[in-house]
Amino acid sequence: MRVVVLGSGTGVPDPSRLPSGVLVEGGGARVLVDCGPGIVRRLSAAGVGPEAVTAVLLTHFHVDHAADLTALLFALRAPRYVGRPTLRVVGGPGLSRLVSVKLTES
């Protein structure tokens, strides 16, 4: 098992620390625990592309723990990732409300 701390800061901007994000690797899985702002970029800097993440576990839905989920989901829509296994996103009550979208077209 390998644990990589990608960010351990707070939601208050600090150039030397990023918000929460930890990559846990083992048994063929790569789980991202929390996905605060800037974590997808740190993941890449750690040599792990977005396609390698098998699951995301959000401990709670504050912006400093969940904001880069959008960036990760957007990145995985790139044509080069077509056919990859579906990303599993796990979280507590309210997760489906967090990721649902209501569209209004004009």
N, C-alpha and C. Protein backbone atom coordinates (compact mmCIF):
# COMPACT_ATOMS: atom_id res chain seq x y z
N MET A 1 0.84 -1.17 0.00
CA MET A 1 0.00 0.00 0.00
C MET A 1 0.89 1.24 0.00
N ARG A 2 0.42 2.23 -0.72
CA ARG A 2 1.13 3.52 -0.78
C ARG A 2 0.12 4.61 -0.49
N VAL A 3 0.51 5.57 0.33
CA VAL A 3 -0.33 6.72 0.65
C VAL A 3 0.45 7.98 0.26
N VAL A 4 -0.18 8.81 -0.57
CA VAL A 4 0.46 10.04 -1.03
C VAL A 4 -0.41 11.22 -0.59
N VAL A 5 0.13 12.06 0.26
CA VAL A 5 -0.60 13.26 0.69
C VAL A 5 -0.40 14.32 -0.40
N LEU A 6 -1.48 14.65 -1.07
CA LEU A 6 -1.44 15.63 -2.15
C LEU A 6 -1.71 17.04 -1.62
N GLY A 7 -2.46 17.12 -0.55
CA GLY A 7 -2.78 18.39 0.08
C GLY A 7 -3.29 18.15 1.48
N SER A 8 -2.92 19.02 2.39
CA SER A 8 -3.35 18.86 3.78
C SER A 8 -3.71 20.19 4.42
N GLY A 9 -3.91 21.19 3.60
CA GLY A 9 -4.18 22.53 4.11
C GLY A 9 -5.64 22.76 4.41
N THR A 10 -6.02 24.00 4.39
CA THR A 10 -7.39 24.38 4.68
C THR A 10 -7.98 25.08 3.47
N GLY A 11 -9.21 25.52 3.62
CA GLY A 11 -9.88 26.25 2.55
C GLY A 11 -9.38 27.68 2.42
N VAL A 12 -8.60 28.14 3.39
CA VAL A 12 -8.04 29.49 3.32
C VAL A 12 -6.82 29.43 2.40
N PRO A 13 -6.81 30.20 1.32
CA PRO A 13 -5.71 30.12 0.36
C PRO A 13 -4.34 30.32 1.01
N ASP A 14 -3.42 29.42 0.69
CA ASP A 14 -2.05 29.46 1.19
C ASP A 14 -1.17 28.90 0.08
N PRO A 15 -0.24 29.68 -0.45
CA PRO A 15 0.55 29.21 -1.58
C PRO A 15 1.42 27.99 -1.28
N SER A 16 1.66 27.71 -0.02
CA SER A 16 2.52 26.57 0.30
C SER A 16 1.75 25.30 0.66
N ARG A 17 0.44 25.39 0.75
CA ARG A 17 -0.35 24.20 1.11
C ARG A 17 -1.64 24.18 0.30
N LEU A 18 -1.97 23.00 -0.21
CA LEU A 18 -3.25 22.83 -0.91
C LEU A 18 -4.27 22.22 0.02
N PRO A 19 -5.55 22.43 -0.28
CA PRO A 19 -6.60 21.78 0.51
C PRO A 19 -6.51 20.26 0.44
N SER A 20 -7.41 19.61 1.10
CA SER A 20 -7.36 18.17 1.34
C SER A 20 -7.39 17.30 0.09
N GLY A 21 -6.50 16.32 0.08
CA GLY A 21 -6.46 15.31 -0.97
C GLY A 21 -5.40 14.28 -0.65
N VAL A 22 -5.79 13.01 -0.58
CA VAL A 22 -4.87 11.92 -0.29
C VAL A 22 -5.13 10.79 -1.27
N LEU A 23 -4.08 10.29 -1.90
CA LEU A 23 -4.18 9.15 -2.80
C LEU A 23 -3.76 7.90 -2.05
N VAL A 24 -4.63 6.89 -2.05
CA VAL A 24 -4.32 5.61 -1.42
C VAL A 24 -4.29 4.56 -2.53
N GLU A 25 -3.14 3.89 -2.67
CA GLU A 25 -2.96 2.88 -3.71
C GLU A 25 -2.72 1.51 -3.08
N GLY A 26 -3.37 0.51 -3.61
CA GLY A 26 -3.14 -0.85 -3.13
C GLY A 26 -4.15 -1.80 -3.73
N GLY A 27 -3.74 -3.04 -3.91
CA GLY A 27 -4.64 -4.06 -4.43
C GLY A 27 -5.21 -3.74 -5.79
N GLY A 28 -4.47 -3.00 -6.59
CA GLY A 28 -4.96 -2.66 -7.93
C GLY A 28 -5.88 -1.46 -7.96
N ALA A 29 -6.14 -0.85 -6.80
CA ALA A 29 -7.03 0.31 -6.73
C ALA A 29 -6.23 1.57 -6.42
N ARG A 30 -6.73 2.68 -6.93
CA ARG A 30 -6.18 4.00 -6.60
C ARG A 30 -7.36 4.85 -6.18
N VAL A 31 -7.45 5.10 -4.89
CA VAL A 31 -8.58 5.83 -4.33
C VAL A 31 -8.12 7.22 -3.91
N LEU A 32 -8.83 8.22 -4.37
CA LEU A 32 -8.56 9.59 -3.98
C LEU A 32 -9.51 9.94 -2.85
N VAL A 33 -8.95 10.17 -1.67
CA VAL A 33 -9.76 10.55 -0.51
C VAL A 33 -9.74 12.08 -0.45
N ASP A 34 -10.87 12.65 -0.72
CA ASP A 34 -11.08 14.09 -0.84
C ASP A 34 -10.38 14.64 -2.09
N CYS A 35 -10.92 15.74 -2.56
CA CYS A 35 -10.50 16.26 -3.86
C CYS A 35 -10.64 17.78 -3.85
N GLY A 36 -9.90 18.42 -2.93
CA GLY A 36 -9.96 19.87 -2.81
C GLY A 36 -9.37 20.58 -4.02
N PRO A 37 -9.52 21.90 -4.09
CA PRO A 37 -9.01 22.67 -5.22
C PRO A 37 -7.51 22.44 -5.44
N GLY A 38 -7.13 22.14 -6.67
CA GLY A 38 -5.74 21.94 -7.02
C GLY A 38 -5.25 20.51 -6.90
N ILE A 39 -6.07 19.62 -6.37
CA ILE A 39 -5.64 18.25 -6.13
C ILE A 39 -5.44 17.47 -7.43
N VAL A 40 -6.25 17.72 -8.45
CA VAL A 40 -6.07 17.01 -9.72
C VAL A 40 -4.71 17.36 -10.32
N ARG A 41 -4.31 18.59 -10.20
CA ARG A 41 -2.99 19.01 -10.69
C ARG A 41 -1.88 18.34 -9.88
N ARG A 42 -2.03 18.28 -8.57
CA ARG A 42 -1.04 17.62 -7.70
C ARG A 42 -0.97 16.12 -8.00
N LEU A 43 -2.11 15.54 -8.33
CA LEU A 43 -2.16 14.13 -8.70
C LEU A 43 -1.27 13.90 -9.93
N SER A 44 -1.41 14.76 -10.91
CA SER A 44 -0.60 14.67 -12.12
C SER A 44 0.88 14.85 -11.79
N ALA A 45 1.20 15.80 -10.92
CA ALA A 45 2.59 16.04 -10.52
C ALA A 45 3.17 14.82 -9.80
N ALA A 46 2.32 14.02 -9.16
CA ALA A 46 2.76 12.80 -8.47
C ALA A 46 2.90 11.64 -9.46
N GLY A 47 2.65 11.89 -10.75
CA GLY A 47 2.81 10.86 -11.76
C GLY A 47 1.60 9.97 -11.96
N VAL A 48 0.46 10.42 -11.47
CA VAL A 48 -0.77 9.63 -11.61
C VAL A 48 -1.77 10.43 -12.44
N GLY A 49 -2.12 9.90 -13.60
CA GLY A 49 -3.10 10.57 -14.45
C GLY A 49 -4.51 10.35 -13.94
N PRO A 50 -5.43 11.18 -14.35
CA PRO A 50 -6.81 11.05 -13.87
C PRO A 50 -7.44 9.71 -14.21
N GLU A 51 -7.01 9.11 -15.32
CA GLU A 51 -7.56 7.82 -15.73
C GLU A 51 -7.18 6.68 -14.79
N ALA A 52 -6.15 6.88 -13.99
CA ALA A 52 -5.69 5.83 -13.08
C ALA A 52 -6.48 5.79 -11.77
N VAL A 53 -7.23 6.84 -11.49
CA VAL A 53 -8.02 6.88 -10.26
C VAL A 53 -9.24 5.97 -10.43
N THR A 54 -9.41 5.02 -9.52
CA THR A 54 -10.53 4.08 -9.63
C THR A 54 -11.73 4.53 -8.82
N ALA A 55 -11.49 5.35 -7.79
CA ALA A 55 -12.61 5.80 -6.95
C ALA A 55 -12.23 7.10 -6.24
N VAL A 56 -13.25 7.85 -5.89
CA VAL A 56 -13.09 9.05 -5.07
C VAL A 56 -13.98 8.89 -3.85
N LEU A 57 -13.42 9.12 -2.69
CA LEU A 57 -14.18 9.09 -1.44
C LEU A 57 -14.17 10.50 -0.87
N LEU A 58 -15.35 11.09 -0.78
CA LEU A 58 -15.47 12.43 -0.21
C LEU A 58 -15.90 12.31 1.24
N THR A 59 -15.05 12.81 2.15
CA THR A 59 -15.38 12.71 3.58
C THR A 59 -16.52 13.64 3.94
N HIS A 60 -16.59 14.78 3.26
CA HIS A 60 -17.72 15.70 3.41
C HIS A 60 -17.65 16.67 2.23
N PHE A 61 -18.62 17.54 2.12
CA PHE A 61 -18.79 18.29 0.89
C PHE A 61 -18.38 19.76 0.97
N HIS A 62 -17.54 20.11 1.92
CA HIS A 62 -17.02 21.48 1.94
C HIS A 62 -16.14 21.66 0.71
N VAL A 63 -16.06 22.89 0.23
CA VAL A 63 -15.33 23.18 -1.01
C VAL A 63 -13.86 22.76 -0.92
N ASP A 64 -13.25 22.85 0.26
CA ASP A 64 -11.83 22.49 0.38
C ASP A 64 -11.60 20.97 0.39
N HIS A 65 -12.68 20.20 0.29
CA HIS A 65 -12.58 18.74 0.21
C HIS A 65 -13.18 18.17 -1.07
N ALA A 66 -13.96 18.98 -1.81
CA ALA A 66 -14.71 18.41 -2.93
C ALA A 66 -14.66 19.22 -4.23
N ALA A 67 -14.07 20.39 -4.24
CA ALA A 67 -14.15 21.27 -5.42
C ALA A 67 -13.55 20.67 -6.69
N ASP A 68 -12.45 19.93 -6.58
CA ASP A 68 -11.81 19.40 -7.78
C ASP A 68 -12.46 18.13 -8.32
N LEU A 69 -13.53 17.68 -7.69
CA LEU A 69 -14.27 16.56 -8.27
C LEU A 69 -14.76 16.96 -9.66
N THR A 70 -15.20 18.19 -9.81
CA THR A 70 -15.65 18.69 -11.10
C THR A 70 -14.51 18.64 -12.12
N ALA A 71 -13.33 19.08 -11.73
CA ALA A 71 -12.18 19.06 -12.64
C ALA A 71 -11.82 17.63 -13.04
N LEU A 72 -11.88 16.71 -12.10
CA LEU A 72 -11.57 15.31 -12.39
C LEU A 72 -12.58 14.71 -13.36
N LEU A 73 -13.87 14.94 -13.10
CA LEU A 73 -14.90 14.41 -13.99
C LEU A 73 -14.79 15.01 -15.38
N PHE A 74 -14.47 16.29 -15.45
CA PHE A 74 -14.30 16.94 -16.75
C PHE A 74 -13.11 16.34 -17.50
N ALA A 75 -11.99 16.15 -16.81
CA ALA A 75 -10.79 15.58 -17.43
C ALA A 75 -11.07 14.20 -18.00
N LEU A 76 -11.85 13.41 -17.28
CA LEU A 76 -12.13 12.04 -17.72
C LEU A 76 -13.03 11.97 -18.95
N ARG A 77 -13.59 13.10 -19.36
CA ARG A 77 -14.39 13.13 -20.58
C ARG A 77 -13.55 13.28 -21.83
N ALA A 78 -12.24 13.47 -21.67
CA ALA A 78 -11.35 13.62 -22.83
C ALA A 78 -11.38 12.34 -23.67
N PRO A 79 -11.33 12.48 -24.98
CA PRO A 79 -11.41 11.31 -25.86
C PRO A 79 -10.38 10.21 -25.53
N ARG A 80 -9.22 10.57 -25.04
CA ARG A 80 -8.20 9.54 -24.77
C ARG A 80 -8.58 8.61 -23.63
N TYR A 81 -9.60 8.98 -22.85
CA TYR A 81 -10.01 8.14 -21.73
C TYR A 81 -11.28 7.34 -22.02
N VAL A 82 -11.75 7.38 -23.26
CA VAL A 82 -12.92 6.60 -23.64
C VAL A 82 -12.64 5.12 -23.39
N GLY A 83 -13.60 4.44 -22.78
CA GLY A 83 -13.47 3.02 -22.54
C GLY A 83 -12.85 2.66 -21.19
N ARG A 84 -12.40 3.66 -20.44
CA ARG A 84 -11.84 3.36 -19.12
C ARG A 84 -12.98 2.94 -18.20
N PRO A 85 -12.68 2.19 -17.16
CA PRO A 85 -13.73 1.81 -16.21
C PRO A 85 -14.38 3.04 -15.59
N THR A 86 -15.64 2.92 -15.25
CA THR A 86 -16.37 4.02 -14.64
C THR A 86 -15.75 4.40 -13.30
N LEU A 87 -15.60 5.69 -13.08
CA LEU A 87 -15.10 6.19 -11.81
C LEU A 87 -16.18 6.04 -10.76
N ARG A 88 -15.83 5.47 -9.65
CA ARG A 88 -16.77 5.32 -8.54
C ARG A 88 -16.59 6.50 -7.59
N VAL A 89 -17.68 7.18 -7.26
CA VAL A 89 -17.64 8.31 -6.33
C VAL A 89 -18.48 7.94 -5.13
N VAL A 90 -17.87 8.00 -3.95
CA VAL A 90 -18.52 7.57 -2.72
C VAL A 90 -18.53 8.73 -1.74
N GLY A 91 -19.66 8.90 -1.07
CA GLY A 91 -19.77 9.95 -0.06
C GLY A 91 -21.02 9.74 0.76
N GLY A 92 -21.22 10.58 1.72
CA GLY A 92 -22.35 10.46 2.61
C GLY A 92 -23.63 11.00 2.00
N PRO A 93 -24.67 11.11 2.83
CA PRO A 93 -25.94 11.65 2.36
C PRO A 93 -25.76 13.03 1.73
N GLY A 94 -26.39 13.23 0.61
CA GLY A 94 -26.29 14.50 -0.10
C GLY A 94 -25.36 14.45 -1.31
N LEU A 95 -24.67 13.32 -1.51
CA LEU A 95 -23.74 13.21 -2.64
C LEU A 95 -24.46 13.37 -3.97
N SER A 96 -25.59 12.70 -4.13
CA SER A 96 -26.29 12.80 -5.41
C SER A 96 -26.76 14.23 -5.67
N ARG A 97 -27.11 14.95 -4.63
CA ARG A 97 -27.50 16.35 -4.78
C ARG A 97 -26.29 17.20 -5.17
N LEU A 98 -25.12 16.87 -4.64
CA LEU A 98 -23.90 17.61 -4.95
C LEU A 98 -23.56 17.50 -6.43
N VAL A 99 -23.71 16.32 -7.01
CA VAL A 99 -23.27 16.12 -8.39
C VAL A 99 -24.39 16.21 -9.42
N SER A 100 -25.62 16.37 -8.99
CA SER A 100 -26.72 16.48 -9.96
C SER A 100 -26.75 17.87 -10.58
N VAL A 101 -27.26 17.93 -11.76
CA VAL A 101 -27.31 19.19 -12.49
C VAL A 101 -28.71 19.36 -13.06
N LYS A 102 -29.27 20.57 -12.91
CA LYS A 102 -30.52 20.91 -13.55
C LYS A 102 -30.18 21.88 -14.68
N LEU A 103 -30.61 21.54 -15.86
CA LEU A 103 -30.30 22.38 -17.00
C LEU A 103 -31.53 23.17 -17.43
N THR A 104 -31.30 24.40 -17.80
CA THR A 104 -32.36 25.23 -18.35
C THR A 104 -31.83 25.77 -19.66
N GLU A 105 -32.53 25.44 -20.73
CA GLU A 105 -32.09 25.94 -22.04
C GLU A 105 -33.00 27.07 -22.46
N SER A 106 -32.40 28.03 -23.12
CA SER A 106 -33.21 29.17 -23.57
C SER A 106 -33.26 29.22 -25.07
